[in-house]
PDB file of N, CA and C in Angstrom:
ATOM      1  N   MET A   1     -41.173-277.468 -29.208  1.00  0.00           N
ATOM      2  CA  MET A   1     -41.821-278.090 -30.351  1.00  0.00           C
ATOM      3  C   MET A   1     -42.775-279.182 -29.883  1.00  0.00           C
ATOM      4  N   ARG A   2     -42.436-279.884 -28.845  1.00  0.00           N
ATOM      5  CA  ARG A   2     -43.282-280.967 -28.364  1.00  0.00           C
ATOM      6  C   ARG A   2     -44.634-280.450 -27.862  1.00  0.00           C
ATOM      7  N   LEU A   3     -44.638-279.288 -27.221  1.00  0.00           N
ATOM      8  CA  LEU A   3     -45.899-278.725 -26.743  1.00  0.00           C
ATOM      9  C   LEU A   3     -46.854-278.455 -27.899  1.00  0.00           C
ATOM     10  N   TYR A   4     -46.324-278.005 -29.016  1.00  0.00           N
ATOM     11  CA  TYR A   4     -47.159-277.735 -30.181  1.00  0.00           C
ATOM     12  C   TYR A   4     -47.829-279.012 -30.663  1.00  0.00           C
ATOM     13  N   VAL A   5     -47.095-280.102 -30.694  1.00  0.00           N
ATOM     14  CA  VAL A   5     -47.648-281.380 -31.139  1.00  0.00           C
ATOM     15  C   VAL A   5     -48.731-281.852 -30.178  1.00  0.00           C
ATOM     16  N   GLU A   6     -48.495-281.705 -28.871  1.00  0.00           N
ATOM     17  CA  GLU A   6     -49.488-282.120 -27.887  1.00  0.00           C
ATOM     18  C   GLU A   6     -50.747-281.273 -27.996  1.00  0.00           C
ATOM     19  N   GLU A   7     -50.586-279.960 -28.169  1.00  0.00           N
ATOM     20  CA  GLU A   7     -51.747-279.090 -28.315  1.00  0.00           C
ATOM     21  C   GLU A   7     -52.512-279.417 -29.593  1.00  0.00           C
ATOM     22  N   ASP A   8     -51.783-279.709 -30.673  1.00  0.00           N
ATOM     23  CA  ASP A   8     -52.418-280.064 -31.936  1.00  0.00           C
ATOM     24  C   ASP A   8     -53.218-281.352 -31.784  1.00  0.00           C
ATOM     25  N   THR A   9     -52.701-282.308 -31.044  1.00  0.00           N
ATOM     26  CA  THR A   9     -53.402-283.568 -30.809  1.00  0.00           C
ATOM     27  C   THR A   9     -54.674-283.320 -30.008  1.00  0.00           C
ATOM     28  N   LYS A  10     -54.610-282.469 -29.001  1.00  0.00           N
ATOM     29  CA  LYS A  10     -55.788-282.144 -28.200  1.00  0.00           C
ATOM     30  C   LYS A  10     -56.843-281.457 -29.060  1.00  0.00           C
ATOM     31  N   THR A  11     -56.401-280.538 -29.905  1.00  0.00           N
ATOM     32  CA  THR A  11     -57.326-279.833 -30.786  1.00  0.00           C
ATOM     33  C   THR A  11     -58.001-280.807 -31.727  1.00  0.00           C
ATOM     34  N   MET A  12     -57.250-281.732 -32.295  1.00  0.00           N
ATOM     35  CA  MET A  12     -57.820-282.710 -33.215  1.00  0.00           C
ATOM     36  C   MET A  12     -58.833-283.598 -32.511  1.00  0.00           C
ATOM     37  N   LYS A  13     -58.556-283.976 -31.259  1.00  0.00           N
ATOM     38  CA  LYS A  13     -59.498-284.806 -30.521  1.00  0.00           C
ATOM     39  C   LYS A  13     -60.801-284.059 -30.267  1.00  0.00           C
ATOM     40  N   ILE A  14     -60.697-282.769 -29.972  1.00  0.00           N
ATOM     41  CA  ILE A  14     -61.893-281.961 -29.755  1.00  0.00           C
ATOM     42  C   ILE A  14     -62.689-281.852 -31.048  1.00  0.00           C
ATOM     43  N   VAL A  15     -61.992-281.599 -32.158  1.00  0.00           N
ATOM     44  CA  VAL A  15     -62.666-281.495 -33.453  1.00  0.00           C
ATOM     45  C   VAL A  15     -63.335-282.814 -33.810  1.00  0.00           C
ATOM     46  N   GLU A  16     -62.645-283.928 -33.587  1.00  0.00           N
ATOM     47  CA  GLU A  16     -63.226-285.243 -33.877  1.00  0.00           C
ATOM     48  C   GLU A  16     -64.446-285.509 -33.010  1.00  0.00           C
ATOM     49  N   LEU A  17     -64.407-285.078 -31.754  1.00  0.00           N
ATOM     50  CA  LEU A  17     -65.554-285.242 -30.861  1.00  0.00           C
ATOM     51  C   LEU A  17     -66.745-284.441 -31.373  1.00  0.00           C
ATOM     52  N   ILE A  18     -66.490-283.207 -31.773  1.00  0.00           N
ATOM     53  CA  ILE A  18     -67.565-282.356 -32.290  1.00  0.00           C
ATOM     54  C   ILE A  18     -68.156-282.960 -33.554  1.00  0.00           C
ATOM     55  N   ILE A  19     -67.300-283.425 -34.443  1.00  0.00           N
ATOM     56  CA  ILE A  19     -67.774-284.021 -35.689  1.00  0.00           C
ATOM     57  C   ILE A  19     -68.593-285.271 -35.411  1.00  0.00           C
ATOM     58  N   ALA A  20     -68.134-286.081 -34.473  1.00  0.00           N
ATOM     59  CA  ALA A  20     -68.879-287.294 -34.121  1.00  0.00           C
ATOM     60  C   ALA A  20     -70.268-286.936 -33.596  1.00  0.00           C
ATOM     61  N   ARG A  21     -70.351-285.891 -32.760  1.00  0.00           N
ATOM     62  CA  ARG A  21     -71.644-285.487 -32.231  1.00  0.00           C
ATOM     63  C   ARG A  21     -72.543-284.911 -33.318  1.00  0.00           C
ATOM     64  N   LEU A  22     -71.970-284.171 -34.273  1.00  0.00           N
ATOM     65  CA  LEU A  22     -72.768-283.577 -35.341  1.00  0.00           C
ATOM     66  C   LEU A  22     -73.340-284.623 -36.293  1.00  0.00           C
ATOM     67  N   LYS A  23     -72.773-285.812 -36.293  1.00  0.00           N
ATOM     68  CA  LYS A  23     -73.273-286.887 -37.148  1.00  0.00           C
ATOM     69  C   LYS A  23     -74.489-287.588 -36.540  1.00  0.00           C
ATOM     70  N   GLU A  24     -74.765-287.312 -35.279  1.00  0.00           N
ATOM     71  CA  GLU A  24     -75.861-287.984 -34.588  1.00  0.00           C
ATOM     72  C   GLU A  24     -77.170-287.208 -34.755  1.00  0.00           C
ATOM     73  N   LYS A  25     -78.246-287.919 -35.009  1.00  0.00           N
ATOM     74  CA  LYS A  25     -79.552-287.289 -35.180  1.00  0.00           C
ATOM     75  C   LYS A  25     -80.016-286.598 -33.904  1.00  0.00           C
ATOM     76  N   SER A  26     -79.653-287.157 -32.763  1.00  0.00           N
ATOM     77  CA  SER A  26     -80.087-286.563 -31.499  1.00  0.00           C
ATOM     78  C   SER A  26     -79.486-285.175 -31.298  1.00  0.00           C
ATOM     79  N   THR A  27     -78.299-284.958 -31.823  1.00  0.00           N
ATOM     80  CA  THR A  27     -77.682-283.633 -31.735  1.00  0.00           C
ATOM     81  C   THR A  27     -78.521-282.614 -32.487  1.00  0.00           C
ATOM     82  N   TRP A  28     -78.966-282.985 -33.681  1.00  0.00           N
ATOM     83  CA  TRP A  28     -79.774-282.080 -34.488  1.00  0.00           C
ATOM     84  C   TRP A  28     -81.128-281.841 -33.840  1.00  0.00           C
ATOM     85  N   ALA A  29     -81.685-282.867 -33.232  1.00  0.00           N
ATOM     86  CA  ALA A  29     -82.959-282.693 -32.527  1.00  0.00           C
ATOM     87  C   ALA A  29     -82.771-281.742 -31.349  1.00  0.00           C
ATOM     88  N   GLY A  30     -81.677-281.898 -30.640  1.00  0.00           N
ATOM     89  CA  GLY A  30     -81.379-281.011 -29.518  1.00  0.00           C
ATOM     90  C   GLY A  30     -81.171-279.578 -29.964  1.00  0.00           C
ATOM     91  N   LEU A  31     -80.452-279.391 -31.060  1.00  0.00           N
ATOM     92  CA  LEU A  31     -80.249-278.042 -31.589  1.00  0.00           C
ATOM     93  C   LEU A  31     -81.576-277.412 -31.999  1.00  0.00           C
ATOM     94  N   GLY A  32     -82.429-278.208 -32.617  1.00  0.00           N
ATOM     95  CA  GLY A  32     -83.746-277.716 -32.997  1.00  0.00           C
ATOM     96  C   GLY A  32     -84.553-277.294 -31.788  1.00  0.00           C
ATOM     97  N   THR A  33     -84.461-278.061 -30.724  1.00  0.00           N
ATOM     98  CA  THR A  33     -85.168-277.745 -29.490  1.00  0.00           C
ATOM     99  C   THR A  33     -84.637-276.457 -28.871  1.00  0.00           C
ATOM    100  N   ILE A  34     -83.321-276.308 -28.862  1.00  0.00           N
ATOM    101  CA  ILE A  34     -82.712-275.087 -28.315  1.00  0.00           C
ATOM    102  C   ILE A  34     -83.139-273.869 -29.133  1.00  0.00           C
ATOM    103  N   ILE A  35     -83.119-274.004 -30.444  1.00  0.00           N
ATOM    104  CA  ILE A  35     -83.526-272.902 -31.311  1.00  0.00           C
ATOM    105  C   ILE A  35     -84.987-272.540 -31.064  1.00  0.00           C
ATOM    106  N   ALA A  36     -85.831-273.563 -30.925  1.00  0.00           N
ATOM    107  CA  ALA A  36     -87.252-273.310 -30.663  1.00  0.00           C
ATOM    108  C   ALA A  36     -87.441-272.632 -29.303  1.00  0.00           C
ATOM    109  N   ALA A  37     -86.655-273.055 -28.314  1.00  0.00           N
ATOM    110  CA  ALA A  37     -86.762-272.466 -26.985  1.00  0.00           C
ATOM    111  C   ALA A  37     -86.343-270.996 -26.988  1.00  0.00           C
ATOM    112  N   LEU A  38     -85.427-270.658 -27.870  1.00  0.00           N
ATOM    113  CA  LEU A  38     -84.983-269.269 -27.972  1.00  0.00           C
ATOM    114  C   LEU A  38     -85.974-268.409 -28.747  1.00  0.00           C
ATOM    115  N   GLY A  39     -86.968-269.042 -29.329  1.00  0.00           N
ATOM    116  CA  GLY A  39     -88.003-268.303 -30.037  1.00  0.00           C
ATOM    117  C   GLY A  39     -87.717-268.092 -31.510  1.00  0.00           C
ATOM    118  N   LEU A  40     -86.663-268.688 -32.022  1.00  0.00           N
ATOM    119  CA  LEU A  40     -86.364-268.565 -33.442  1.00  0.00           C
ATOM    120  C   LEU A  40     -87.215-269.566 -34.208  1.00  0.00           C
ATOM    121  N   LYS A  41     -87.826-269.092 -35.256  1.00  0.00           N
ATOM    122  CA  LYS A  41     -88.684-269.980 -36.038  1.00  0.00           C
ATOM    123  C   LYS A  41     -88.022-270.252 -37.382  1.00  0.00           C
ATOM    124  N   ILE A  42     -87.773-271.504 -37.639  1.00  0.00           N
ATOM    125  CA  ILE A  42     -87.184-271.936 -38.906  1.00  0.00           C
ATOM    126  C   ILE A  42     -88.124-272.969 -39.503  1.00  0.00           C
ATOM    127  N   ASP A  43     -88.450-272.785 -40.755  1.00  0.00           N
ATOM    128  CA  ASP A  43     -89.288-273.765 -41.438  1.00  0.00           C
ATOM    129  C   ASP A  43     -88.590-275.117 -41.456  1.00  0.00           C
ATOM    130  N   PRO A  44     -89.343-276.206 -41.365  1.00  0.00           N
ATOM    131  CA  PRO A  44     -88.732-277.529 -41.409  1.00  0.00           C
ATOM    132  C   PRO A  44     -87.878-277.747 -42.666  1.00  0.00           C
ATOM    133  N   GLU A  45     -88.300-277.183 -43.786  1.00  0.00           N
ATOM    134  CA  GLU A  45     -87.524-277.332 -45.014  1.00  0.00           C
ATOM    135  C   GLU A  45     -86.189-276.603 -44.903  1.00  0.00           C
ATOM    136  N   GLN A  46     -86.204-275.429 -44.300  1.00  0.00           N
ATOM    137  CA  GLN A  46     -84.964-274.683 -44.114  1.00  0.00           C
ATOM    138  C   GLN A  46     -84.037-275.410 -43.157  1.00  0.00           C
ATOM    139  N   PHE A  47     -84.589-275.922 -42.071  1.00  0.00           N
ATOM    140  CA  PHE A  47     -83.772-276.653 -41.101  1.00  0.00           C
ATOM    141  C   PHE A  47     -83.158-277.884 -41.741  1.00  0.00           C
ATOM    142  N   SER A  48     -83.942-278.557 -42.565  1.00  0.00           N
ATOM    143  CA  SER A  48     -83.442-279.733 -43.268  1.00  0.00           C
ATOM    144  C   SER A  48     -82.307-279.345 -44.209  1.00  0.00           C
ATOM    145  N   ALA A  49     -82.475-278.249 -44.932  1.00  0.00           N
ATOM    146  CA  ALA A  49     -81.428-277.792 -45.853  1.00  0.00           C
ATOM    147  C   ALA A  49     -80.161-277.403 -45.101  1.00  0.00           C
ATOM    148  N   ILE A  50     -80.320-276.749 -43.970  1.00  0.00           N
ATOM    149  CA  ILE A  50     -79.161-276.361 -43.160  1.00  0.00           C
ATOM    150  C   ILE A  50     -78.434-277.586 -42.648  1.00  0.00           C
ATOM    151  N   SER A  51     -79.178-278.570 -42.146  1.00  0.00           N
ATOM    152  CA  SER A  51     -78.534-279.767 -41.607  1.00  0.00           C
ATOM    153  C   SER A  51     -77.835-280.558 -42.713  1.00  0.00           C
ATOM    154  N   VAL A  52     -78.434-280.624 -43.897  1.00  0.00           N
ATOM    155  CA  VAL A  52     -77.786-281.313 -45.013  1.00  0.00           C
ATOM    156  C   VAL A  52     -76.498-280.594 -45.400  1.00  0.00           C
ATOM    157  N   ALA A  53     -76.514-279.270 -45.400  1.00  0.00           N
ATOM    158  CA  ALA A  53     -75.312-278.495 -45.738  1.00  0.00           C
ATOM    159  C   ALA A  53     -74.200-278.738 -44.716  1.00  0.00           C
ATOM    160  N   VAL A  54     -74.550-278.757 -43.438  1.00  0.00           N
ATOM    161  CA  VAL A  54     -73.546-278.995 -42.396  1.00  0.00           C
ATOM    162  C   VAL A  54     -72.984-280.405 -42.521  1.00  0.00           C
ATOM    163  N   ILE A  55     -73.830-281.375 -42.744  1.00  0.00           N
ATOM    164  CA  ILE A  55     -73.358-282.752 -42.910  1.00  0.00           C
ATOM    165  C   ILE A  55     -72.461-282.860 -44.140  1.00  0.00           C
ATOM    166  N   GLY A  56     -72.809-282.137 -45.202  1.00  0.00           N
ATOM    167  CA  GLY A  56     -71.957-282.117 -46.389  1.00  0.00           C
ATOM    168  C   GLY A  56     -70.589-281.533 -46.094  1.00  0.00           C
ATOM    169  N   LEU A  57     -70.552-280.457 -45.313  1.00  0.00           N
ATOM    170  CA  LEU A  57     -69.268-279.867 -44.931  1.00  0.00           C
ATOM    171  C   LEU A  57     -68.442-280.828 -44.085  1.00  0.00           C
ATOM    172  N   ILE A  58     -69.101-281.557 -43.214  1.00  0.00           N
ATOM    173  CA  ILE A  58     -68.395-282.564 -42.414  1.00  0.00           C
ATOM    174  C   ILE A  58     -67.816-283.635 -43.331  1.00  0.00           C
ATOM    175  N   GLY A  59     -68.582-284.034 -44.334  1.00  0.00           N
ATOM    176  CA  GLY A  59     -68.092-285.028 -45.296  1.00  0.00           C
ATOM    177  C   GLY A  59     -66.865-284.537 -46.043  1.00  0.00           C
ATOM    178  N   VAL A  60     -66.881-283.280 -46.455  1.00  0.00           N
ATOM    179  CA  VAL A  60     -65.716-282.711 -47.146  1.00  0.00           C
ATOM    180  C   VAL A  60     -64.514-282.706 -46.217  1.00  0.00           C
ATOM    181  N   TYR A  61     -64.732-282.323 -44.959  1.00  0.00           N
ATOM    182  CA  TYR A  61     -63.654-282.341 -43.977  1.00  0.00           C
ATOM    183  C   TYR A  61     -63.078-283.748 -43.825  1.00  0.00           C
ATOM    184  N   GLU A  62     -63.950-284.734 -43.727  1.00  0.00           N
ATOM    185  CA  GLU A  62     -63.512-286.119 -43.549  1.00  0.00           C
ATOM    186  C   GLU A  62     -62.694-286.609 -44.747  1.00  0.00           C
ATOM    187  N   VAL A  63     -63.029-286.155 -45.936  1.00  0.00           N
ATOM    188  CA  VAL A  63     -62.299-286.573 -47.138  1.00  0.00           C
ATOM    189  C   VAL A  63     -60.866-286.049 -47.099  1.00  0.00           C
ATOM    190  N   PHE A  64     -60.676-284.818 -46.619  1.00  0.00           N
ATOM    191  CA  PHE A  64     -59.369-284.189 -46.698  1.00  0.00           C
ATOM    192  C   PHE A  64     -58.531-284.255 -45.424  1.00  0.00           C
ATOM    193  N   ARG A  65     -59.083-284.738 -44.334  1.00  0.00           N
ATOM    194  CA  ARG A  65     -58.278-284.780 -43.114  1.00  0.00           C
ATOM    195  C   ARG A  65     -57.301-285.956 -43.150  1.00  0.00           C
ATOM    196  N   LYS A  66     -56.212-285.802 -42.428  1.00  0.00           N
ATOM    197  CA  LYS A  66     -55.181-286.834 -42.394  1.00  0.00           C
ATOM    198  C   LYS A  66     -55.568-287.919 -41.407  1.00  0.00           C
ATOM    199  N   GLU A  67     -55.256-289.156 -41.758  1.00  0.00           N
ATOM    200  CA  GLU A  67     -55.473-290.277 -40.841  1.00  0.00           C
ATOM    201  C   GLU A  67     -54.340-290.313 -39.835  1.00  0.00           C
ATOM    202  N   LYS A  68     -54.625-290.850 -38.667  1.00  0.00           N
ATOM    203  CA  LYS A  68     -53.587-290.969 -37.630  1.00  0.00           C
ATOM    204  C   LYS A  68     -52.759-292.198 -37.856  1.00  0.00           C
TER     205      LYS A  68
END
């Protein structure tokens, strides 16, 4: 049972790290650069809508996650 708790803690730390990075503007700029380098073309309005949707999902997650 203890291993499950330790693994769950590690998973939560990884998720928190990802969420923290997704909140940073530089992450979105980097993602945009990677997408452009791959040759995918997304209109700025579409990219803005996608980023707002992802940030909204992060907000919903933050509302419902348990505090430590």
